[in-house]
C-alpha atoms as a PDB file:
ATOM      1  CA  MET A   1     -21.745   4.000 -12.715  1.00  0.00           C
ATOM      2  CA  THR A   2     -21.485   6.156 -15.827  1.00  0.00           C
ATOM      3  CA  THR A   3     -18.769   5.586 -18.407  1.00  0.00           C
ATOM      4  CA  ASP A   4     -16.910   7.729 -20.870  1.00  0.00           C
ATOM      5  CA  PRO A   5     -18.709   7.048 -24.195  1.00  0.00           C
ATOM      6  CA  SER A   6     -15.521   7.685 -26.163  1.00  0.00           C
ATOM      7  CA  THR A   7     -13.702   4.824 -24.461  1.00  0.00           C
ATOM      8  CA  ASP A   8     -16.412   2.725 -22.767  1.00  0.00           C
ATOM      9  CA  GLU A   9     -14.236   2.877 -19.651  1.00  0.00           C
ATOM     10  CA  ALA A  10     -15.177   4.185 -16.236  1.00  0.00           C
ATOM     11  CA  PRO A  11     -13.986   7.787 -15.893  1.00  0.00           C
ATOM     12  CA  VAL A  12     -11.006   8.509 -13.655  1.00  0.00           C
ATOM     13  CA  THR A  13     -11.896  11.455 -11.434  1.00  0.00           C
ATOM     14  CA  ALA A  14     -11.705  12.615  -7.836  1.00  0.00           C
ATOM     15  CA  THR A  15     -15.291  13.889  -8.036  1.00  0.00           C
ATOM     16  CA  PRO A  16     -17.532  11.766  -5.767  1.00  0.00           C
ATOM     17  CA  PRO A  17     -19.801   9.525  -7.849  1.00  0.00           C
ATOM     18  CA  GLU A  18     -23.533   9.075  -7.611  1.00  0.00           C
ATOM     19  CA  SER A  19     -23.803   6.150  -5.235  1.00  0.00           C
ATOM     20  CA  ALA A  20     -25.966   4.509  -2.593  1.00  0.00           C
ATOM     21  CA  PHE A  21     -23.754   5.992   0.139  1.00  0.00           C
ATOM     22  CA  ARG A  22     -20.207   7.208   0.671  1.00  0.00           C
ATOM     23  CA  THR A  23     -17.459   5.926   2.961  1.00  0.00           C
ATOM     24  CA  THR A  24     -15.371   8.318   5.049  1.00  0.00           C
ATOM     25  CA  GLY A  25     -12.115   6.344   5.036  1.00  0.00           C
ATOM     26  CA  LEU A  26     -10.485   3.004   5.690  1.00  0.00           C
ATOM     27  CA  ASP A  27     -10.970   1.710   9.234  1.00  0.00           C
ATOM     28  CA  HIS A  28      -9.106  -1.593   9.158  1.00  0.00           C
ATOM     29  CA  VAL A  29      -8.210  -4.616   7.050  1.00  0.00           C
ATOM     30  CA  THR A  30      -8.361  -8.087   8.591  1.00  0.00           C
ATOM     31  CA  LEU A  31      -6.229 -10.985   7.371  1.00  0.00           C
ATOM     32  CA  VAL A  32      -6.129 -14.630   8.413  1.00  0.00           C
ATOM     33  CA  GLY A  33      -2.734 -15.107  10.020  1.00  0.00           C
ATOM     34  CA  SER A  34      -0.824 -18.058  11.402  1.00  0.00           C
ATOM     35  CA  ASN A  35       0.111 -18.000  15.095  1.00  0.00           C
ATOM     36  CA  GLU A  36       0.284 -15.111  17.527  1.00  0.00           C
ATOM     37  CA  ALA A  37       4.006 -15.225  18.358  1.00  0.00           C
ATOM     38  CA  GLU A  38       5.309 -15.094  14.774  1.00  0.00           C
ATOM     39  CA  THR A  39       2.708 -12.551  13.683  1.00  0.00           C
ATOM     40  CA  ILE A  40       3.756 -10.218  16.487  1.00  0.00           C
ATOM     41  CA  GLU A  41       7.442 -10.884  15.800  1.00  0.00           C
ATOM     42  CA  PHE A  42       7.094  -9.737  12.177  1.00  0.00           C
ATOM     43  CA  TYR A  43       4.577  -6.902  12.326  1.00  0.00           C
ATOM     44  CA  ARG A  44       5.679  -5.413  15.657  1.00  0.00           C
ATOM     45  CA  ASP A  45       9.355  -6.289  15.944  1.00  0.00           C
ATOM     46  CA  VAL A  46      10.378  -5.991  12.266  1.00  0.00           C
ATOM     47  CA  LEU A  47       7.889  -3.470  10.839  1.00  0.00           C
ATOM     48  CA  GLY A  48       7.495  -1.446  14.042  1.00  0.00           C
ATOM     49  CA  MET A  49       3.701  -1.556  14.285  1.00  0.00           C
ATOM     50  CA  PRO A  50       2.490  -1.330  17.894  1.00  0.00           C
ATOM     51  CA  LEU A  51       0.147  -4.096  19.021  1.00  0.00           C
ATOM     52  CA  VAL A  52      -2.726  -1.925  20.250  1.00  0.00           C
ATOM     53  CA  LEU A  53      -5.446  -4.490  20.987  1.00  0.00           C
ATOM     54  CA  ARG A  54      -5.729  -8.239  21.575  1.00  0.00           C
ATOM     55  CA  GLN A  55      -9.048  -9.980  22.130  1.00  0.00           C
ATOM     56  CA  PRO A  56     -11.039 -13.030  21.017  1.00  0.00           C
ATOM     57  CA  ASN A  57     -12.559 -13.043  17.565  1.00  0.00           C
ATOM     58  CA  LEU A  58     -16.127 -12.109  18.503  1.00  0.00           C
ATOM     59  CA  ASP A  59     -17.535 -14.488  15.880  1.00  0.00           C
ATOM     60  CA  GLN A  60     -15.195 -17.357  16.807  1.00  0.00           C
ATOM     61  CA  PRO A  61     -13.930 -16.979  20.396  1.00  0.00           C
ATOM     62  CA  GLU A  62     -11.270 -19.697  20.165  1.00  0.00           C
ATOM     63  CA  VAL A  63      -9.454 -17.526  17.588  1.00  0.00           C
ATOM     64  CA  THR A  64      -7.348 -14.568  18.749  1.00  0.00           C
ATOM     65  CA  HIS A  65      -7.805 -11.168  17.098  1.00  0.00           C
ATOM     66  CA  LEU A  66      -4.666  -8.976  16.992  1.00  0.00           C
ATOM     67  CA  PHE A  67      -4.817  -5.250  16.126  1.00  0.00           C
ATOM     68  CA  PHE A  68      -1.727  -3.363  14.876  1.00  0.00           C
ATOM     69  CA  ASP A  69      -1.427   0.395  14.281  1.00  0.00           C
ATOM     70  CA  THR A  70       0.149   0.802  10.830  1.00  0.00           C
ATOM     71  CA  GLY A  71       1.484   4.261  11.716  1.00  0.00           C
ATOM     72  CA  ASP A  72      -1.357   6.708  11.098  1.00  0.00           C
ATOM     73  CA  GLY A  73      -4.128   5.214  13.179  1.00  0.00           C
ATOM     74  CA  ARG A  74      -5.304   2.915  10.380  1.00  0.00           C
ATOM     75  CA  ILE A  75      -5.416  -0.600  11.722  1.00  0.00           C
ATOM     76  CA  LEU A  76      -4.293  -3.945  10.338  1.00  0.00           C
ATOM     77  CA  THR A  77      -5.735  -6.948  12.168  1.00  0.00           C
ATOM     78  CA  PHE A  78      -5.139 -10.701  12.122  1.00  0.00           C
ATOM     79  CA  PHE A  79      -7.107 -13.756  13.157  1.00  0.00           C
ATOM     80  CA  VAL A  80      -4.516 -16.171  14.596  1.00  0.00           C
ATOM     81  CA  GLU A  81      -4.383 -19.551  16.334  1.00  0.00           C
ATOM     82  CA  ASP A  82      -1.380 -21.063  18.086  1.00  0.00           C
ATOM     83  CA  ASP A  83      -1.581 -24.372  16.194  1.00  0.00           C
ATOM     84  CA  ARG A  84      -1.139 -22.690  12.791  1.00  0.00           C
ATOM     85  CA  ASP A  85       2.322 -22.881  11.239  1.00  0.00           C
ATOM     86  CA  SER A  86       3.828 -19.983   9.300  1.00  0.00           C
ATOM     87  CA  SER A  87       5.133 -20.454   5.757  1.00  0.00           C
ATOM     88  CA  ARG A  88       6.942 -18.007   3.484  1.00  0.00           C
ATOM     89  CA  GLN A  89       5.770 -19.770   0.336  1.00  0.00           C
ATOM     90  CA  PRO A  90       4.000 -17.308  -2.009  1.00  0.00           C
ATOM     91  CA  LEU A  91       0.240 -17.164  -1.543  1.00  0.00           C
ATOM     92  CA  ARG A  92      -2.069 -17.835  -4.434  1.00  0.00           C
ATOM     93  CA  THR A  93      -4.382 -14.963  -5.274  1.00  0.00           C
ATOM     94  CA  PRO A  94      -7.730 -16.146  -6.634  1.00  0.00           C
ATOM     95  CA  VAL A  95     -10.482 -13.692  -7.514  1.00  0.00           C
ATOM     96  CA  GLY A  96     -11.449 -12.045  -4.246  1.00  0.00           C
ATOM     97  CA  GLY A  97      -8.055 -12.802  -2.716  1.00  0.00           C
ATOM     98  CA  VAL A  98      -5.503 -10.284  -1.462  1.00  0.00           C
ATOM     99  CA  HIS A  99      -2.797  -9.605  -4.046  1.00  0.00           C
ATOM    100  CA  HIS A 100      -0.686  -7.448  -1.725  1.00  0.00           C
ATOM    101  CA  VAL A 101      -0.910  -4.923   1.092  1.00  0.00           C
ATOM    102  CA  ALA A 102       0.945  -1.611   0.727  1.00  0.00           C
ATOM    103  CA  PHE A 103       2.261   0.558   3.548  1.00  0.00           C
ATOM    104  CA  THR A 104       3.710   4.058   3.341  1.00  0.00           C
ATOM    105  CA  VAL A 105       7.179   4.861   4.621  1.00  0.00           C
ATOM    106  CA  ASP A 106       9.039   8.163   4.951  1.00  0.00           C
ATOM    107  CA  PRO A 107      11.374   8.737   1.980  1.00  0.00           C
ATOM    108  CA  GLU A 108      14.273   9.701   4.232  1.00  0.00           C
ATOM    109  CA  ARG A 109      13.967   6.309   5.958  1.00  0.00           C
ATOM    110  CA  PHE A 110      13.777   4.250   2.769  1.00  0.00           C
ATOM    111  CA  ASP A 111      17.291   2.875   3.273  1.00  0.00           C
ATOM    112  CA  GLU A 112      16.375   1.884   6.841  1.00  0.00           C
ATOM    113  CA  VAL A 113      13.541  -0.239   5.482  1.00  0.00           C
ATOM    114  CA  LYS A 114      15.979  -2.041   3.181  1.00  0.00           C
ATOM    115  CA  SER A 115      18.504  -2.707   5.916  1.00  0.00           C
ATOM    116  CA  GLY A 116      15.819  -3.687   8.426  1.00  0.00           C
ATOM    117  CA  LEU A 117      14.384  -6.290   6.091  1.00  0.00           C
ATOM    118  CA  SER A 118      17.815  -7.657   5.177  1.00  0.00           C
ATOM    119  CA  GLU A 119      19.002  -7.838   8.787  1.00  0.00           C
ATOM    120  CA  ASN A 120      15.932  -9.888   9.706  1.00  0.00           C
ATOM    121  CA  GLY A 121      16.319 -12.324   6.819  1.00  0.00           C
ATOM    122  CA  TYR A 122      13.708 -10.936   4.436  1.00  0.00           C
ATOM    123  CA  GLN A 123      14.639 -10.423   0.795  1.00  0.00           C
ATOM    124  CA  PHE A 124      13.058  -7.609  -1.211  1.00  0.00           C
ATOM    125  CA  ASN A 125      12.798  -6.137  -4.695  1.00  0.00           C
ATOM    126  CA  GLU A 126      12.979  -2.402  -5.397  1.00  0.00           C
ATOM    127  CA  PHE A 127      11.090  -0.662  -8.216  1.00  0.00           C
ATOM    128  CA  ASP A 128      10.529   2.823  -9.572  1.00  0.00           C
ATOM    129  CA  ARG A 129       6.770   2.912 -10.100  1.00  0.00           C
ATOM    130  CA  GLY A 130       6.681   6.276 -11.868  1.00  0.00           C
ATOM    131  CA  ILE A 131       4.982   8.473  -9.275  1.00  0.00           C
ATOM    132  CA  PHE A 132       6.306   6.541  -6.283  1.00  0.00           C
ATOM    133  CA  HIS A 133       9.107   4.179  -5.296  1.00  0.00           C
ATOM    134  CA  SER A 134       8.434   0.745  -3.823  1.00  0.00           C
ATOM    135  CA  LEU A 135      10.031  -2.181  -2.053  1.00  0.00           C
ATOM    136  CA  TYR A 136       8.328  -5.584  -2.159  1.00  0.00           C
ATOM    137  CA  THR A 137       8.830  -8.464   0.248  1.00  0.00           C
ATOM    138  CA  ARG A 138       6.789 -11.317   1.741  1.00  0.00           C
ATOM    139  CA  ASP A 139       5.774 -11.652   5.355  1.00  0.00           C
ATOM    140  CA  HIS A 140       6.161 -14.808   7.448  1.00  0.00           C
ATOM    141  CA  ASN A 141       3.053 -16.258   5.756  1.00  0.00           C
ATOM    142  CA  GLY A 142       3.972 -15.523   2.135  1.00  0.00           C
ATOM    143  CA  LEU A 143       1.741 -12.433   1.807  1.00  0.00           C
ATOM    144  CA  THR A 144       3.288  -9.877  -0.551  1.00  0.00           C
ATOM    145  CA  LEU A 145       3.875  -6.542   1.173  1.00  0.00           C
ATOM    146  CA  GLU A 146       4.779  -3.263  -0.482  1.00  0.00           C
ATOM    147  CA  PHE A 147       6.538  -0.330   1.188  1.00  0.00           C
ATOM    148  CA  ALA A 148       5.870   2.756  -0.909  1.00  0.00           C
ATOM    149  CA  THR A 149       7.085   6.318  -0.709  1.00  0.00           C
ATOM    150  CA  ASP A 150       5.973   9.209  -2.905  1.00  0.00           C
ATOM    151  CA  LYS A 151       8.468  11.068  -5.080  1.00  0.00           C
ATOM    152  CA  TYR A 152       6.656  14.270  -4.102  1.00  0.00           C
ATOM    153  CA  GLU A 153       4.843  14.969  -0.854  1.00  0.00           C
ATOM    154  CA  ILE A 154       1.077  14.814  -1.398  1.00  0.00           C
ATOM    155  CA  PRO A 155      -1.352  16.126   1.244  1.00  0.00           C
ATOM    156  CA  ASP A 156      -3.529  13.254   2.439  1.00  0.00           C
ATOM    157  CA  ASP A 157      -6.749  15.201   1.921  1.00  0.00           C
ATOM    158  CA  ARG A 158      -5.784  16.042  -1.683  1.00  0.00           C
ATOM    159  CA  ARG A 159      -4.351  12.673  -2.739  1.00  0.00           C
ATOM    160  CA  GLY A 160      -7.305  11.569  -4.868  1.00  0.00           C
ATOM    161  CA  GLU A 161      -7.455  14.957  -6.578  1.00  0.00           C
ATOM    162  CA  VAL A 162      -3.725  14.949  -7.307  1.00  0.00           C
ATOM    163  CA  LEU A 163      -3.691  11.394  -8.664  1.00  0.00           C
ATOM    164  CA  ALA A 164      -6.743  11.961 -10.873  1.00  0.00           C
ATOM    165  CA  LEU A 165      -5.122  15.042 -12.412  1.00  0.00           C
ATOM    166  CA  ALA A 166      -1.817  13.185 -12.858  1.00  0.00           C
ATOM    167  CA  HIS A 167      -3.801  10.484 -14.665  1.00  0.00           C
ATOM    168  CA  ALA A 168      -5.301  13.079 -17.014  1.00  0.00           C
ATOM    169  CA  LYS A 169      -1.854  14.426 -17.791  1.00  0.00           C
ATOM    170  CA  ARG A 170      -0.578  10.899 -18.384  1.00  0.00           C
ATOM    171  CA  VAL A 171      -3.379  10.284 -20.897  1.00  0.00           C
ATOM    172  CA  ASP A 172      -2.767  13.628 -22.641  1.00  0.00           C
ATOM    173  CA  ASP A 173       0.910  12.739 -22.869  1.00  0.00           C
ATOM    174  CA  GLY A 174       0.147   9.324 -24.368  1.00  0.00           C
ATOM    175  CA  ALA A 175       2.220   7.629 -21.664  1.00  0.00           C
ATOM    176  CA  GLU A 176       1.537   4.048 -20.611  1.00  0.00           C
ATOM    177  CA  TYR A 177       1.701   4.856 -16.899  1.00  0.00           C
ATOM    178  CA  ALA A 178       1.873   7.919 -14.673  1.00  0.00           C
ATOM    179  CA  LYS A 179       5.381   9.286 -14.187  1.00  0.00           C
ATOM    180  CA  ALA A 180       7.046  11.778 -11.890  1.00  0.00           C
ATOM    181  CA  GLU A 181       6.613  14.613 -14.399  1.00  0.00           C
ATOM    182  CA  HIS A 182       2.839  14.029 -14.502  1.00  0.00           C
ATOM    183  CA  LEU A 183       2.655  14.128 -10.734  1.00  0.00           C
ATOM    184  CA  GLU A 184       4.806  17.261 -10.584  1.00  0.00           C
ATOM    185  CA  ALA A 185       2.612  18.992 -13.173  1.00  0.00           C
ATOM    186  CA  ALA A 186      -0.551  18.045 -11.278  1.00  0.00           C
ATOM    187  CA  LEU A 187       0.795  19.406  -8.004  1.00  0.00           C
ATOM    188  CA  SER A 188       1.848  22.625  -9.710  1.00  0.00           C
ATOM    189  CA  GLU A 189      -1.527  23.112 -11.395  1.00  0.00           C
ATOM    190  CA  LEU A 190      -3.301  22.612  -8.070  1.00  0.00           C
ATOM    191  CA  GLY A 191      -1.008  25.123  -6.361  1.00  0.00           C
ATOM    192  CA  LEU A 192       0.583  22.542  -4.080  1.00  0.00           C
ATOM    193  CA  ASP A 193       4.281  23.150  -3.438  1.00  0.00           C
ATOM    194  CA  SER A 194       6.347  19.993  -3.166  1.00  0.00           C
ATOM    195  CA  GLU A 195      10.009  19.222  -3.734  1.00  0.00           C
ATOM    196  CA  ALA A 196      11.155  16.049  -5.459  1.00  0.00           C
ATOM    197  CA  VAL A 197      12.783  13.348  -3.346  1.00  0.00           C
ATOM    198  CA  ASP A 198      15.898  11.646  -4.715  1.00  0.00           C
ATOM    199  CA  LEU A 199      15.273   7.936  -4.301  1.00  0.00           C
ATOM    200  CA  GLY A 200      17.832   6.731  -6.804  1.00  0.00           C
ATOM    201  CA  ASP A 201      17.324   4.663  -9.919  1.00  0.00           C
ATOM    202  CA  ALA A 202      15.448   1.382 -10.175  1.00  0.00           C
ATOM    203  CA  ALA A 203      13.675  -0.623 -12.847  1.00  0.00           C
ATOM    204  CA  THR A 204       9.920  -0.183 -13.250  1.00  0.00           C
ATOM    205  CA  GLY A 205       9.346  -3.919 -12.843  1.00  0.00           C
ATOM    206  CA  ALA A 206       6.614  -3.616 -15.455  1.00  0.00           C
ATOM    207  CA  GLY A 207       6.200  -4.710 -19.044  1.00  0.00           C
ATOM    208  CA  VAL A 208       5.938  -1.106 -20.230  1.00  0.00           C
ATOM    209  CA  GLU A 209       8.622   1.549 -20.075  1.00  0.00           C
END
């Protein structure tokens, strides 16, 4: 990987790098879950993800493999066993561990996410992350989950291009993190029409403002 000699940092760009090969997208992410009943109760009955496949773990047949559709055909799967207890205690995140998993939600349904979590006994924190708005909670096993919605609609096939240009504008502006105005300017420069969504005010939750 080449670096920017002026900063000794890897360049931020949507241009495909020179690499051994190139992926075409994310197929699925697999997590080690607790038991089947409570995993289904949270991911299907609270988050609304259909359970689209159940079968044995092909590498360990005594373990059940659950497949959930996250909403756009991308799949989240779990290895579960009935003798595993759930715990909402925060998970430790060593190197190689999962810090959090983020899902997208429609901006007009953001309040529904808040009420749905509260009504099912799950607390959450809300933050304005500059170019998007996020809620954070923990699942029944203490895994941190994020529910994010963009402040401006970004076409899926242009997302990398838009974010890379917003990053460039953030750097030019001397800002510590990308903000809504950088995203708006990037969309405008790329000729992508998008109206801002009013998601209200919230703290950044970060050490920089």
